Amino acid sequence: MFANDNTPVALFLFLEQFPWSSLLSVIAVLMIVVFFVTSCDSGAMVIDMLCSHGNNNTPLWQRIYWTAGVGIIAAVLLLSDGISALQTMTIASALPFAVVLLIAMFGLVKALRVEAFKQDSQLIAPTPTQGASSNEGWQERLKSIVDFPSRQRVGQFINEVGLPSFIAVKDELKLLDINAIVEETDTGILITVKQGEDQGFSYAIRPKKHMQPDFAHDVNDSLHQDNEYYRAEVHLGEGGQDYCVMGWSKTALINDVVDQYHKHLYFLHLMR
């Protein structure tokens, strides 16, 4: 009956039924301390991030402020009416978060619906797999497949082939009264097309570093090259596409941009 009247000591009364009850009680206290400390720390970190618009690198004083605030509130509740006050406050404060979770569930369902439409739009107008013009021999195509270019070569390709291709698409869209912007950024080149109130289209080519496979090391030993190489990878508005356009001709690259834009317009059609 004493455990029913005093719930906080119920755990220790339970542990007294086992051998080494004192040691088990010490371990239980340590586990409780670790649980509450980590929970308080994670809660304070989340509040800190929410107040900083999702920024992880917040000032030290701000993290200390929220951590101390959580600890002080818990201490005041414990001193005022013991653990029952802390439990009541926890339950009362959880009610607004339940509403927030319901809204988050609605947002998740909406995001999954958008993702399903995005996948359906990728099924039309397949991206061309050729990396060069149709007049190029198969020997050159094979050479480009097993090639492991440096950052300088990828940058040269982006400037000499990628940028003119983007400008050509931009000029053609301008003739169709569609505004497109071509930008050179620190991470590559980017073409964006505004779609009014709908989601805009973006297509970027960025050099990305990778480690060379083992079979390539013997080929490059005589050239004393590093074990790193770069790919000219395509990035759309929803993220990287994990395919490389290095060595593609201007015509093939323009066709790829047009195909991806076609898929984007079909995606907007499904969203309506």
C-alpha atoms as a PDB file:
ATOM      1  CA  MET A   1       0.000   0.000   0.000  1.00  0.00           C
ATOM      2  CA  PHE A   2       2.887   2.337   0.705  1.00  0.00           C
ATOM      3  CA  ALA A   3       3.908   2.141  -2.964  1.00  0.00           C
ATOM      4  CA  ASN A   4       0.394   3.178  -4.013  1.00  0.00           C
ATOM      5  CA  ASP A   5       0.525   6.209  -1.737  1.00  0.00           C
ATOM      6  CA  ASN A   6       4.060   7.205  -2.725  1.00  0.00           C
ATOM      7  CA  THR A   7       4.669   6.393  -6.390  1.00  0.00           C
ATOM      8  CA  PRO A   8       8.235   7.825  -6.612  1.00  0.00           C
ATOM      9  CA  VAL A   9       9.581   5.231  -4.164  1.00  0.00           C
ATOM     10  CA  ALA A  10       7.801   2.294  -5.819  1.00  0.00           C
ATOM     11  CA  LEU A  11      10.872   1.506  -7.920  1.00  0.00           C
ATOM     12  CA  PHE A  12      13.142   1.274  -4.874  1.00  0.00           C
ATOM     13  CA  LEU A  13      10.637  -0.900  -3.019  1.00  0.00           C
ATOM     14  CA  PHE A  14      10.647  -3.188  -6.036  1.00  0.00           C
ATOM     15  CA  LEU A  15      14.452  -3.345  -6.112  1.00  0.00           C
ATOM     16  CA  GLU A  16      14.572  -4.282  -2.433  1.00  0.00           C
ATOM     17  CA  GLN A  17      13.173  -7.677  -3.369  1.00  0.00           C
ATOM     18  CA  PHE A  18      16.444  -8.542  -5.195  1.00  0.00           C
ATOM     19  CA  PRO A  19      19.962  -9.263  -3.938  1.00  0.00           C
ATOM     20  CA  TRP A  20      22.382  -6.330  -3.967  1.00  0.00           C
ATOM     21  CA  SER A  21      19.423  -3.965  -3.690  1.00  0.00           C
ATOM     22  CA  SER A  22      21.644  -1.013  -2.671  1.00  0.00           C
ATOM     23  CA  LEU A  23      23.791  -1.380  -5.787  1.00  0.00           C
ATOM     24  CA  LEU A  24      20.721  -1.763  -7.979  1.00  0.00           C
ATOM     25  CA  SER A  25      19.264   1.402  -6.449  1.00  0.00           C
ATOM     26  CA  VAL A  26      22.450   3.353  -7.234  1.00  0.00           C
ATOM     27  CA  ILE A  27      22.404   2.086 -10.837  1.00  0.00           C
ATOM     28  CA  ALA A  28      18.707   3.001 -11.139  1.00  0.00           C
ATOM     29  CA  VAL A  29      19.382   6.526  -9.876  1.00  0.00           C
ATOM     30  CA  LEU A  30      22.241   6.952 -12.341  1.00  0.00           C
ATOM     31  CA  MET A  31      20.040   5.746 -15.203  1.00  0.00           C
ATOM     32  CA  ILE A  32      17.273   8.149 -14.172  1.00  0.00           C
ATOM     33  CA  VAL A  33      19.756  11.039 -14.023  1.00  0.00           C
ATOM     34  CA  VAL A  34      21.156  10.196 -17.462  1.00  0.00           C
ATOM     35  CA  PHE A  35      17.630   9.922 -18.877  1.00  0.00           C
ATOM     36  CA  PHE A  36      16.479  13.277 -17.528  1.00  0.00           C
ATOM     37  CA  VAL A  37      19.714  15.085 -18.377  1.00  0.00           C
ATOM     38  CA  THR A  38      19.723  13.882 -21.983  1.00  0.00           C
ATOM     39  CA  SER A  39      15.991  14.585 -22.328  1.00  0.00           C
ATOM     40  CA  CYS A  40      16.431  18.099 -20.951  1.00  0.00           C
ATOM     41  CA  ASP A  41      19.438  18.697 -23.202  1.00  0.00           C
ATOM     42  CA  SER A  42      17.648  17.517 -26.336  1.00  0.00           C
ATOM     43  CA  GLY A  43      14.530  19.516 -25.480  1.00  0.00           C
ATOM     44  CA  ALA A  44      16.559  22.675 -24.911  1.00  0.00           C
ATOM     45  CA  MET A  45      18.420  22.087 -28.177  1.00  0.00           C
ATOM     46  CA  VAL A  46      15.150  21.759 -30.117  1.00  0.00           C
ATOM     47  CA  ILE A  47      13.759  24.958 -28.576  1.00  0.00           C
ATOM     48  CA  ASP A  48      17.027  26.720 -29.362  1.00  0.00           C
ATOM     49  CA  MET A  49      16.895  25.593 -33.008  1.00  0.00           C
ATOM     50  CA  LEU A  50      13.231  26.593 -33.384  1.00  0.00           C
ATOM     51  CA  CYS A  51      14.005  30.066 -32.055  1.00  0.00           C
ATOM     52  CA  SER A  52      16.914  30.332 -34.520  1.00  0.00           C
ATOM     53  CA  HIS A  53      14.920  29.327 -37.647  1.00  0.00           C
ATOM     54  CA  GLY A  54      16.499  25.869 -37.746  1.00  0.00           C
ATOM     55  CA  ASN A  55      20.094  27.029 -37.426  1.00  0.00           C
ATOM     56  CA  ASN A  56      22.330  24.469 -35.687  1.00  0.00           C
ATOM     57  CA  ASN A  57      25.240  26.828 -35.010  1.00  0.00           C
ATOM     58  CA  THR A  58      23.612  28.992 -32.358  1.00  0.00           C
ATOM     59  CA  PRO A  59      25.525  31.212 -29.903  1.00  0.00           C
ATOM     60  CA  LEU A  60      26.731  29.575 -26.692  1.00  0.00           C
ATOM     61  CA  TRP A  61      24.837  32.031 -24.473  1.00  0.00           C
ATOM     62  CA  GLN A  62      21.593  31.168 -26.242  1.00  0.00           C
ATOM     63  CA  ARG A  63      22.040  27.446 -25.610  1.00  0.00           C
ATOM     64  CA  ILE A  64      22.882  28.101 -21.971  1.00  0.00           C
ATOM     65  CA  TYR A  65      19.824  30.349 -21.662  1.00  0.00           C
ATOM     66  CA  TRP A  66      17.348  27.703 -22.832  1.00  0.00           C
ATOM     67  CA  THR A  67      19.024  24.881 -20.906  1.00  0.00           C
ATOM     68  CA  ALA A  68      19.031  26.909 -17.699  1.00  0.00           C
ATOM     69  CA  GLY A  69      15.437  27.995 -18.323  1.00  0.00           C
ATOM     70  CA  VAL A  70      14.214  24.407 -18.580  1.00  0.00           C
ATOM     71  CA  GLY A  71      16.105  23.461 -15.416  1.00  0.00           C
ATOM     72  CA  ILE A  72      14.830  26.450 -13.424  1.00  0.00           C
ATOM     73  CA  ILE A  73      11.199  25.812 -14.402  1.00  0.00           C
ATOM     74  CA  ALA A  74      11.503  22.157 -13.394  1.00  0.00           C
ATOM     75  CA  ALA A  75      13.099  23.128 -10.066  1.00  0.00           C
ATOM     76  CA  VAL A  76      10.365  25.673  -9.283  1.00  0.00           C
ATOM     77  CA  LEU A  77       7.629  23.128 -10.003  1.00  0.00           C
ATOM     78  CA  LEU A  78       9.312  20.539  -7.799  1.00  0.00           C
ATOM     79  CA  LEU A  79       9.667  23.010  -4.924  1.00  0.00           C
ATOM     80  CA  SER A  80       6.089  24.268  -5.211  1.00  0.00           C
ATOM     81  CA  ASP A  81       4.142  20.995  -5.183  1.00  0.00           C
ATOM     82  CA  GLY A  82       6.596  18.181  -5.723  1.00  0.00           C
ATOM     83  CA  ILE A  83       6.572  15.754  -8.589  1.00  0.00           C
ATOM     84  CA  SER A  84       2.790  15.950  -9.040  1.00  0.00           C
ATOM     85  CA  ALA A  85       3.074  19.588 -10.132  1.00  0.00           C
ATOM     86  CA  LEU A  86       5.794  18.637 -12.620  1.00  0.00           C
ATOM     87  CA  GLN A  87       3.649  15.805 -13.990  1.00  0.00           C
ATOM     88  CA  THR A  88       0.618  18.068 -14.300  1.00  0.00           C
ATOM     89  CA  MET A  89       2.643  20.734 -16.091  1.00  0.00           C
ATOM     90  CA  THR A  90       4.083  18.125 -18.472  1.00  0.00           C
ATOM     91  CA  ILE A  91       0.642  16.822 -19.402  1.00  0.00           C
ATOM     92  CA  ALA A  92      -0.814  20.322 -19.797  1.00  0.00           C
ATOM     93  CA  SER A  93       2.050  21.516 -21.980  1.00  0.00           C
ATOM     94  CA  ALA A  94       1.840  18.396 -24.158  1.00  0.00           C
ATOM     95  CA  LEU A  95      -1.681  19.249 -25.349  1.00  0.00           C
ATOM     96  CA  PRO A  96      -0.628  22.070 -27.744  1.00  0.00           C
ATOM     97  CA  PHE A  97       2.103  19.846 -29.160  1.00  0.00           C
ATOM     98  CA  ALA A  98      -0.540  17.222 -29.945  1.00  0.00           C
ATOM     99  CA  VAL A  99      -2.224  19.772 -32.195  1.00  0.00           C
ATOM    100  CA  VAL A 100       1.151  20.575 -33.778  1.00  0.00           C
ATOM    101  CA  LEU A 101       1.728  16.860 -34.436  1.00  0.00           C
ATOM    102  CA  LEU A 102      -1.650  16.585 -36.145  1.00  0.00           C
ATOM    103  CA  ILE A 103      -0.702  19.493 -38.418  1.00  0.00           C
ATOM    104  CA  ALA A 104       2.682  17.833 -39.051  1.00  0.00           C
ATOM    105  CA  MET A 105       0.906  14.612 -40.044  1.00  0.00           C
ATOM    106  CA  PHE A 106      -1.177  16.581 -42.549  1.00  0.00           C
ATOM    107  CA  GLY A 107       2.007  18.140 -43.938  1.00  0.00           C
ATOM    108  CA  LEU A 108       3.637  14.698 -44.189  1.00  0.00           C
ATOM    109  CA  VAL A 109       0.712  13.300 -46.164  1.00  0.00           C
ATOM    110  CA  LYS A 110       0.819  16.320 -48.475  1.00  0.00           C
ATOM    111  CA  ALA A 111       4.591  15.928 -48.967  1.00  0.00           C
ATOM    112  CA  LEU A 112       4.187  12.220 -49.771  1.00  0.00           C
ATOM    113  CA  ARG A 113       1.508  13.126 -52.307  1.00  0.00           C
ATOM    114  CA  VAL A 114       3.851  15.630 -53.958  1.00  0.00           C
ATOM    115  CA  GLU A 115       6.639  13.023 -53.980  1.00  0.00           C
ATOM    116  CA  ALA A 116       4.327  10.491 -55.660  1.00  0.00           C
ATOM    117  CA  PHE A 117       3.459  13.027 -58.364  1.00  0.00           C
ATOM    118  CA  LYS A 118       7.157  13.787 -58.804  1.00  0.00           C
ATOM    119  CA  GLN A 119       7.949  10.114 -59.362  1.00  0.00           C
ATOM    120  CA  ASP A 120       5.097   9.793 -61.856  1.00  0.00           C
ATOM    121  CA  SER A 121       6.416  12.778 -63.795  1.00  0.00           C
ATOM    122  CA  GLN A 122       9.835  11.114 -64.105  1.00  0.00           C
ATOM    123  CA  LEU A 123       8.282   8.262 -66.083  1.00  0.00           C
ATOM    124  CA  ILE A 124       7.732  10.403 -69.168  1.00  0.00           C
ATOM    125  CA  ALA A 125      10.332  11.703 -71.616  1.00  0.00           C
ATOM    126  CA  PRO A 126      13.257   9.478 -70.520  1.00  0.00           C
ATOM    127  CA  THR A 127      16.574  11.257 -70.073  1.00  0.00           C
ATOM    128  CA  PRO A 128      18.934  10.558 -72.994  1.00  0.00           C
ATOM    129  CA  THR A 129      21.728   8.194 -72.062  1.00  0.00           C
ATOM    130  CA  GLN A 130      24.098   9.204 -74.794  1.00  0.00           C
ATOM    131  CA  GLY A 131      27.001  11.280 -73.548  1.00  0.00           C
ATOM    132  CA  ALA A 132      28.029  12.640 -76.929  1.00  0.00           C
ATOM    133  CA  SER A 133      26.685  13.372 -80.357  1.00  0.00           C
ATOM    134  CA  SER A 134      25.442  10.620 -82.613  1.00  0.00           C
ATOM    135  CA  ASN A 135      28.435  11.123 -84.923  1.00  0.00           C
ATOM    136  CA  GLU A 136      30.924  10.160 -82.261  1.00  0.00           C
ATOM    137  CA  GLY A 137      32.469   6.719 -82.527  1.00  0.00           C
ATOM    138  CA  TRP A 138      31.979   4.042 -79.928  1.00  0.00           C
ATOM    139  CA  GLN A 139      35.686   4.233 -79.043  1.00  0.00           C
ATOM    140  CA  GLU A 140      35.297   7.812 -77.822  1.00  0.00           C
ATOM    141  CA  ARG A 141      32.166   6.898 -75.865  1.00  0.00           C
ATOM    142  CA  LEU A 142      33.982   4.023 -74.168  1.00  0.00           C
ATOM    143  CA  LYS A 143      36.898   6.300 -73.362  1.00  0.00           C
ATOM    144  CA  SER A 144      34.610   8.830 -71.697  1.00  0.00           C
ATOM    145  CA  ILE A 145      32.994   6.085 -69.595  1.00  0.00           C
ATOM    146  CA  VAL A 146      36.268   4.892 -68.051  1.00  0.00           C
ATOM    147  CA  ASP A 147      37.708   8.397 -67.758  1.00  0.00           C
ATOM    148  CA  PHE A 148      38.295   9.893 -64.296  1.00  0.00           C
ATOM    149  CA  PRO A 149      38.703  13.635 -64.882  1.00  0.00           C
ATOM    150  CA  SER A 150      40.203  16.192 -62.538  1.00  0.00           C
ATOM    151  CA  ARG A 151      38.416  19.207 -61.048  1.00  0.00           C
ATOM    152  CA  GLN A 152      40.048  21.434 -63.655  1.00  0.00           C
ATOM    153  CA  ARG A 153      38.766  19.348 -66.573  1.00  0.00           C
ATOM    154  CA  VAL A 154      35.250  19.234 -65.142  1.00  0.00           C
ATOM    155  CA  GLY A 155      35.334  22.994 -64.645  1.00  0.00           C
ATOM    156  CA  GLN A 156      36.493  23.460 -68.211  1.00  0.00           C
ATOM    157  CA  PHE A 157      33.636  21.277 -69.470  1.00  0.00           C
ATOM    158  CA  ILE A 158      31.111  23.256 -67.438  1.00  0.00           C
ATOM    159  CA  ASN A 159      32.387  26.566 -68.809  1.00  0.00           C
ATOM    160  CA  GLU A 160      32.821  25.474 -72.432  1.00  0.00           C
ATOM    161  CA  VAL A 161      29.815  23.164 -72.880  1.00  0.00           C
ATOM    162  CA  GLY A 162      27.468  23.557 -69.921  1.00  0.00           C
ATOM    163  CA  LEU A 163      27.271  27.352 -69.819  1.00  0.00           C
ATOM    164  CA  PRO A 164      26.667  27.815 -73.595  1.00  0.00           C
ATOM    165  CA  SER A 165      24.011  25.092 -73.438  1.00  0.00           C
ATOM    166  CA  PHE A 166      22.188  26.858 -70.615  1.00  0.00           C
ATOM    167  CA  ILE A 167      22.387  30.189 -72.441  1.00  0.00           C
ATOM    168  CA  ALA A 168      20.976  28.580 -75.588  1.00  0.00           C
ATOM    169  CA  VAL A 169      18.012  27.204 -73.630  1.00  0.00           C
ATOM    170  CA  LYS A 170      17.523  30.577 -71.943  1.00  0.00           C
ATOM    171  CA  ASP A 171      17.498  32.421 -75.292  1.00  0.00           C
ATOM    172  CA  GLU A 172      15.003  29.974 -76.778  1.00  0.00           C
ATOM    173  CA  LEU A 173      12.695  30.293 -73.768  1.00  0.00           C
ATOM    174  CA  LYS A 174      12.891  34.081 -74.100  1.00  0.00           C
ATOM    175  CA  LEU A 175      11.520  33.774 -77.633  1.00  0.00           C
ATOM    176  CA  LEU A 176       8.582  31.893 -76.078  1.00  0.00           C
ATOM    177  CA  ASP A 177       8.031  34.715 -73.548  1.00  0.00           C
ATOM    178  CA  ILE A 178       9.319  32.561 -70.677  1.00  0.00           C
ATOM    179  CA  ASN A 179      11.817  34.173 -68.339  1.00  0.00           C
ATOM    180  CA  ALA A 180      14.860  32.056 -67.436  1.00  0.00           C
ATOM    181  CA  ILE A 181      17.977  32.986 -65.481  1.00  0.00           C
ATOM    182  CA  VAL A 182      21.455  31.484 -65.917  1.00  0.00           C
ATOM    183  CA  GLU A 183      23.855  31.906 -63.012  1.00  0.00           C
ATOM    184  CA  GLU A 184      27.442  30.957 -62.267  1.00  0.00           C
ATOM    185  CA  THR A 185      27.780  30.020 -58.597  1.00  0.00           C
ATOM    186  CA  ASP A 186      30.587  28.808 -56.380  1.00  0.00           C
ATOM    187  CA  THR A 187      29.316  25.244 -56.815  1.00  0.00           C
ATOM    188  CA  GLY A 188      28.735  25.257 -60.594  1.00  0.00           C
ATOM    189  CA  ILE A 189      26.181  26.676 -63.015  1.00  0.00           C
ATOM    190  CA  LEU A 190      22.423  26.962 -62.630  1.00  0.00           C
ATOM    191  CA  ILE A 191      19.452  27.703 -64.871  1.00  0.00           C
ATOM    192  CA  THR A 192      16.119  28.574 -63.259  1.00  0.00           C
ATOM    193  CA  VAL A 193      12.701  29.113 -64.810  1.00  0.00           C
ATOM    194  CA  LYS A 194       9.958  30.901 -62.897  1.00  0.00           C
ATOM    195  CA  GLN A 195       6.495  29.355 -63.113  1.00  0.00           C
ATOM    196  CA  GLY A 196       4.394  32.101 -61.553  1.00  0.00           C
ATOM    197  CA  GLU A 197       2.885  30.916 -58.277  1.00  0.00           C
ATOM    198  CA  ASP A 198       3.798  27.297 -59.033  1.00  0.00           C
ATOM    199  CA  GLN A 199       7.076  25.662 -58.122  1.00  0.00           C
ATOM    200  CA  GLY A 200       9.885  26.881 -60.343  1.00  0.00           C
ATOM    201  CA  PHE A 201      12.261  24.730 -62.374  1.00  0.00           C
ATOM    202  CA  SER A 202      15.973  24.589 -61.710  1.00  0.00           C
ATOM    203  CA  TYR A 203      18.754  22.574 -63.355  1.00  0.00           C
ATOM    204  CA  ALA A 204      22.324  22.793 -62.084  1.00  0.00           C
ATOM    205  CA  ILE A 205      25.628  21.139 -62.980  1.00  0.00           C
ATOM    206  CA  ARG A 206      28.064  20.858 -60.090  1.00  0.00           C
ATOM    207  CA  PRO A 207      31.495  19.230 -59.852  1.00  0.00           C
ATOM    208  CA  LYS A 208      31.467  16.566 -57.153  1.00  0.00           C
ATOM    209  CA  LYS A 209      34.502  14.768 -55.801  1.00  0.00           C
ATOM    210  CA  HIS A 210      34.656  10.973 -55.615  1.00  0.00           C
ATOM    211  CA  MET A 211      37.268   8.330 -54.888  1.00  0.00           C
ATOM    212  CA  GLN A 212      38.499   6.389 -57.881  1.00  0.00           C
ATOM    213  CA  PRO A 213      37.644   2.656 -57.997  1.00  0.00           C
ATOM    214  CA  ASP A 214      40.452   0.169 -57.445  1.00  0.00           C
ATOM    215  CA  PHE A 215      40.682  -0.848 -61.098  1.00  0.00           C
ATOM    216  CA  ALA A 216      41.462   2.752 -62.079  1.00  0.00           C
ATOM    217  CA  HIS A 217      44.564   3.028 -59.876  1.00  0.00           C
ATOM    218  CA  ASP A 218      46.767   0.868 -62.095  1.00  0.00           C
ATOM    219  CA  VAL A 219      45.727   2.851 -65.155  1.00  0.00           C
ATOM    220  CA  ASN A 220      46.644   6.165 -63.524  1.00  0.00           C
ATOM    221  CA  ASP A 221      49.832   5.085 -61.733  1.00  0.00           C
ATOM    222  CA  SER A 222      51.948   6.004 -64.718  1.00  0.00           C
ATOM    223  CA  LEU A 223      50.455   9.498 -64.710  1.00  0.00           C
ATOM    224  CA  HIS A 224      50.959   9.945 -60.960  1.00  0.00           C
ATOM    225  CA  GLN A 225      47.392  11.118 -60.511  1.00  0.00           C
ATOM    226  CA  ASP A 226      45.585  11.292 -57.201  1.00  0.00           C
ATOM    227  CA  ASN A 227      42.998   8.731 -56.195  1.00  0.00           C
ATOM    228  CA  GLU A 228      40.282  11.382 -56.461  1.00  0.00           C
ATOM    229  CA  TYR A 229      38.253  12.380 -59.486  1.00  0.00           C
ATOM    230  CA  TYR A 230      35.281  14.628 -60.214  1.00  0.00           C
ATOM    231  CA  ARG A 231      31.913  14.176 -61.884  1.00  0.00           C
ATOM    232  CA  ALA A 232      29.767  16.887 -63.474  1.00  0.00           C
ATOM    233  CA  GLU A 233      26.576  15.869 -61.681  1.00  0.00           C
ATOM    234  CA  VAL A 234      23.064  17.150 -62.333  1.00  0.00           C
ATOM    235  CA  HIS A 235      21.064  18.734 -59.508  1.00  0.00           C
ATOM    236  CA  LEU A 236      17.393  19.619 -59.810  1.00  0.00           C
ATOM    237  CA  GLY A 237      15.189  21.508 -57.398  1.00  0.00           C
ATOM    238  CA  GLU A 238      14.507  18.337 -55.405  1.00  0.00           C
ATOM    239  CA  GLY A 239      18.201  17.442 -55.099  1.00  0.00           C
ATOM    240  CA  GLY A 240      20.978  15.564 -56.849  1.00  0.00           C
ATOM    241  CA  GLN A 241      20.116  13.118 -59.617  1.00  0.00           C
ATOM    242  CA  ASP A 242      23.266  10.951 -59.321  1.00  0.00           C
ATOM    243  CA  TYR A 243      24.159  11.017 -62.993  1.00  0.00           C
ATOM    244  CA  CYS A 244      27.069  12.709 -64.696  1.00  0.00           C
ATOM    245  CA  VAL A 245      27.024  14.732 -67.934  1.00  0.00           C
ATOM    246  CA  MET A 246      30.802  15.015 -68.288  1.00  0.00           C
ATOM    247  CA  GLY A 247      31.779  14.525 -71.921  1.00  0.00           C
ATOM    248  CA  TRP A 248      28.279  15.102 -73.251  1.00  0.00           C
ATOM    249  CA  SER A 249      27.885  17.190 -76.368  1.00  0.00           C
ATOM    250  CA  LYS A 250      26.086  20.512 -76.306  1.00  0.00           C
ATOM    251  CA  THR A 251      23.117  19.005 -78.151  1.00  0.00           C
ATOM    252  CA  ALA A 252      22.798  16.094 -75.716  1.00  0.00           C
ATOM    253  CA  LEU A 253      23.016  18.432 -72.722  1.00  0.00           C
ATOM    254  CA  ILE A 254      20.370  20.786 -74.133  1.00  0.00           C
ATOM    255  CA  ASN A 255      18.092  17.799 -74.761  1.00  0.00           C
ATOM    256  CA  ASP A 256      18.549  16.703 -71.157  1.00  0.00           C
ATOM    257  CA  VAL A 257      17.610  20.159 -69.845  1.00  0.00           C
ATOM    258  CA  VAL A 258      14.541  20.209 -72.094  1.00  0.00           C
ATOM    259  CA  ASP A 259      13.537  16.696 -70.996  1.00  0.00           C
ATOM    260  CA  GLN A 260      13.828  17.590 -67.320  1.00  0.00           C
ATOM    261  CA  TYR A 261      11.817  20.765 -67.925  1.00  0.00           C
ATOM    262  CA  HIS A 262       9.167  18.689 -69.687  1.00  0.00           C
ATOM    263  CA  LYS A 263       8.984  16.401 -66.652  1.00  0.00           C
ATOM    264  CA  HIS A 264       8.648  19.401 -64.376  1.00  0.00           C
ATOM    265  CA  LEU A 265       5.733  20.801 -66.366  1.00  0.00           C
ATOM    266  CA  TYR A 266       4.041  17.408 -66.232  1.00  0.00           C
ATOM    267  CA  PHE A 267       4.598  17.380 -62.463  1.00  0.00           C
ATOM    268  CA  LEU A 268       2.874  20.761 -62.173  1.00  0.00           C
ATOM    269  CA  HIS A 269       0.026  19.376 -64.295  1.00  0.00           C
ATOM    270  CA  LEU A 270      -0.436  16.474 -61.844  1.00  0.00           C
ATOM    271  CA  MET A 271      -0.406  18.871 -58.895  1.00  0.00           C
ATOM    272  CA  ARG A 272      -3.373  20.875 -60.220  1.00  0.00           C
END
